[in-house]
C-alpha atoms as a PDB file:
ATOM      1  CA  MET A   1     102.120  85.905  44.890  1.00  0.00           C
ATOM      2  CA  SER A   2     102.279  83.786  47.995  1.00  0.00           C
ATOM      3  CA  GLU A   3      99.136  82.962  49.878  1.00  0.00           C
ATOM      4  CA  GLN A   4      98.698  84.591  53.243  1.00  0.00           C
ATOM      5  CA  THR A   5      97.570  82.515  56.174  1.00  0.00           C
ATOM      6  CA  PRO A   6      94.504  83.847  57.963  1.00  0.00           C
ATOM      7  CA  GLN A   7      95.380  85.633  61.186  1.00  0.00           C
ATOM      8  CA  ARG A   8      93.497  85.458  64.443  1.00  0.00           C
ATOM      9  CA  PRO A   9      91.393  88.534  65.214  1.00  0.00           C
ATOM     10  CA  VAL A  10      92.950  90.983  67.644  1.00  0.00           C
ATOM     11  CA  LEU A  11      89.603  91.782  69.235  1.00  0.00           C
ATOM     12  CA  ARG A  12      86.747  89.336  69.756  1.00  0.00           C
ATOM     13  CA  ILE A  13      83.285  90.286  71.006  1.00  0.00           C
ATOM     14  CA  VAL A  14      81.874  87.402  73.045  1.00  0.00           C
ATOM     15  CA  ARG A  15      78.584  88.910  74.207  1.00  0.00           C
ATOM     16  CA  GLY A  16      76.120  91.467  72.963  1.00  0.00           C
ATOM     17  CA  ASN A  17      75.760  93.125  69.596  1.00  0.00           C
ATOM     18  CA  PRO A  18      77.910  96.287  69.540  1.00  0.00           C
ATOM     19  CA  ASP A  19      77.646  98.744  66.688  1.00  0.00           C
ATOM     20  CA  ASP A  20      80.617 100.200  64.816  1.00  0.00           C
ATOM     21  CA  VAL A  21      80.932 103.195  67.152  1.00  0.00           C
ATOM     22  CA  GLU A  22      81.149 100.992  70.256  1.00  0.00           C
ATOM     23  CA  VAL A  23      83.785  98.748  68.673  1.00  0.00           C
ATOM     24  CA  ALA A  24      85.759 101.834  67.619  1.00  0.00           C
ATOM     25  CA  ALA A  25      85.579 103.245  71.162  1.00  0.00           C
ATOM     26  CA  LEU A  26      86.785  99.949  72.643  1.00  0.00           C
ATOM     27  CA  THR A  27      89.635  99.751  70.134  1.00  0.00           C
ATOM     28  CA  ALA A  28      90.691 103.330  70.903  1.00  0.00           C
ATOM     29  CA  ALA A  29      90.603 102.678  74.659  1.00  0.00           C
ATOM     30  CA  LEU A  30      92.733  99.531  74.350  1.00  0.00           C
ATOM     31  CA  ALA A  31      95.209 101.264  72.024  1.00  0.00           C
ATOM     32  CA  GLY A  32      95.498 104.188  74.437  1.00  0.00           C
ATOM     33  CA  ALA A  33      96.105 101.879  77.394  1.00  0.00           C
ATOM     34  CA  ALA A  34      98.783  99.980  75.478  1.00  0.00           C
ATOM     35  CA  ALA A  35     100.496 103.210  74.409  1.00  0.00           C
ATOM     36  CA  ALA A  36     100.506 104.514  77.986  1.00  0.00           C
ATOM     37  CA  GLN A  37     102.350 101.411  79.200  1.00  0.00           C
ATOM     38  CA  ALA A  38     104.934 101.365  76.406  1.00  0.00           C
ATOM     39  CA  PRO A  39     108.343 102.807  77.319  1.00  0.00           C
ATOM     40  CA  GLU A  40     109.475 105.963  75.567  1.00  0.00           C
ATOM     41  CA  GLU A  41     111.769 105.462  72.597  1.00  0.00           C
ATOM     42  CA  GLY A  42     114.597 107.621  73.963  1.00  0.00           C
ATOM     43  CA  ALA A  43     114.357 106.375  77.548  1.00  0.00           C
ATOM     44  CA  LYS A  44     116.969 103.897  78.670  1.00  0.00           C
ATOM     45  CA  PRO A  45     116.254 101.450  81.466  1.00  0.00           C
ATOM     46  CA  MET A  46     118.252 102.279  84.581  1.00  0.00           C
ATOM     47  CA  SER A  47     120.879  99.754  85.530  1.00  0.00           C
ATOM     48  CA  LEU A  48     120.621  98.281  88.997  1.00  0.00           C
ATOM     49  CA  TRP A  49     124.326  99.011  89.420  1.00  0.00           C
ATOM     50  CA  GLY A  50     123.695 102.744  89.301  1.00  0.00           C
ATOM     51  CA  ASP A  51     120.385 102.786  91.153  1.00  0.00           C
ATOM     52  CA  PRO A  52     120.858 104.816  94.358  1.00  0.00           C
ATOM     53  CA  ALA A  53     117.817 103.161  95.942  1.00  0.00           C
ATOM     54  CA  SER A  54     119.545  99.782  95.871  1.00  0.00           C
ATOM     55  CA  SER A  55     121.929 100.907  98.618  1.00  0.00           C
ATOM     56  CA  LEU A  56     118.972 101.765 100.868  1.00  0.00           C
ATOM     57  CA  ARG A  57     117.427  98.301 100.795  1.00  0.00           C
ATOM     58  CA  HIS A  58     119.817  96.862 103.382  1.00  0.00           C
ATOM     59  CA  PRO A  59     121.407  98.572 106.386  1.00  0.00           C
ATOM     60  CA  ALA A  60     124.953  97.936 105.212  1.00  0.00           C
ATOM     61  CA  GLY A  61     124.173  99.106 101.689  1.00  0.00           C
ATOM     62  CA  ARG A  62     124.181  95.651 100.126  1.00  0.00           C
ATOM     63  CA  ARG A  63     122.699  92.214 100.599  1.00  0.00           C
ATOM     64  CA  PRO A  64     124.169  90.057 103.314  1.00  0.00           C
ATOM     65  CA  LEU A  65     126.263  87.267 101.845  1.00  0.00           C
ATOM     66  CA  ARG A  66     125.156  83.741 102.570  1.00  0.00           C
ATOM     67  CA  PRO A  67     127.618  80.871 102.352  1.00  0.00           C
ATOM     68  CA  GLY A  68     126.764  77.866 100.252  1.00  0.00           C
ATOM     69  CA  PRO A  69     127.017  76.442  96.771  1.00  0.00           C
ATOM     70  CA  HIS A  70     127.170  79.113  94.075  1.00  0.00           C
ATOM     71  CA  ALA A  71     127.321  81.908  96.687  1.00  0.00           C
ATOM     72  CA  TRP A  72     129.971  83.640  94.608  1.00  0.00           C
ATOM     73  CA  ARG A  73     127.290  84.477  92.009  1.00  0.00           C
ATOM     74  CA  ALA A  74     125.224  86.451  94.505  1.00  0.00           C
ATOM     75  CA  SER A  75     128.247  88.364  95.756  1.00  0.00           C
ATOM     76  CA  GLY A  76     128.570  90.310  92.514  1.00  0.00           C
ATOM     77  CA  LEU A  77     124.928  90.951  91.750  1.00  0.00           C
ATOM     78  CA  PRO A  78     123.228  94.245  92.603  1.00  0.00           C
ATOM     79  CA  GLY A  79     120.360  94.670  94.966  1.00  0.00           C
END
């Protein structure tokens, strides 16, 4: 078998002396917060090309074009 390298702890208590119940409550709270921020598996991120709000950001429906070097790149980008 290969040796496993020791991993850094995910949670580190820097002050106080919490008991097992307090550490479990903190772990559950952090896991719940991380799960609430994770995107759903079936959800697809909306493309900026199809976002109807992008046409409302500027009066003409798109960004004003500015001349200059590499201006052609901005002419084809959404939003």
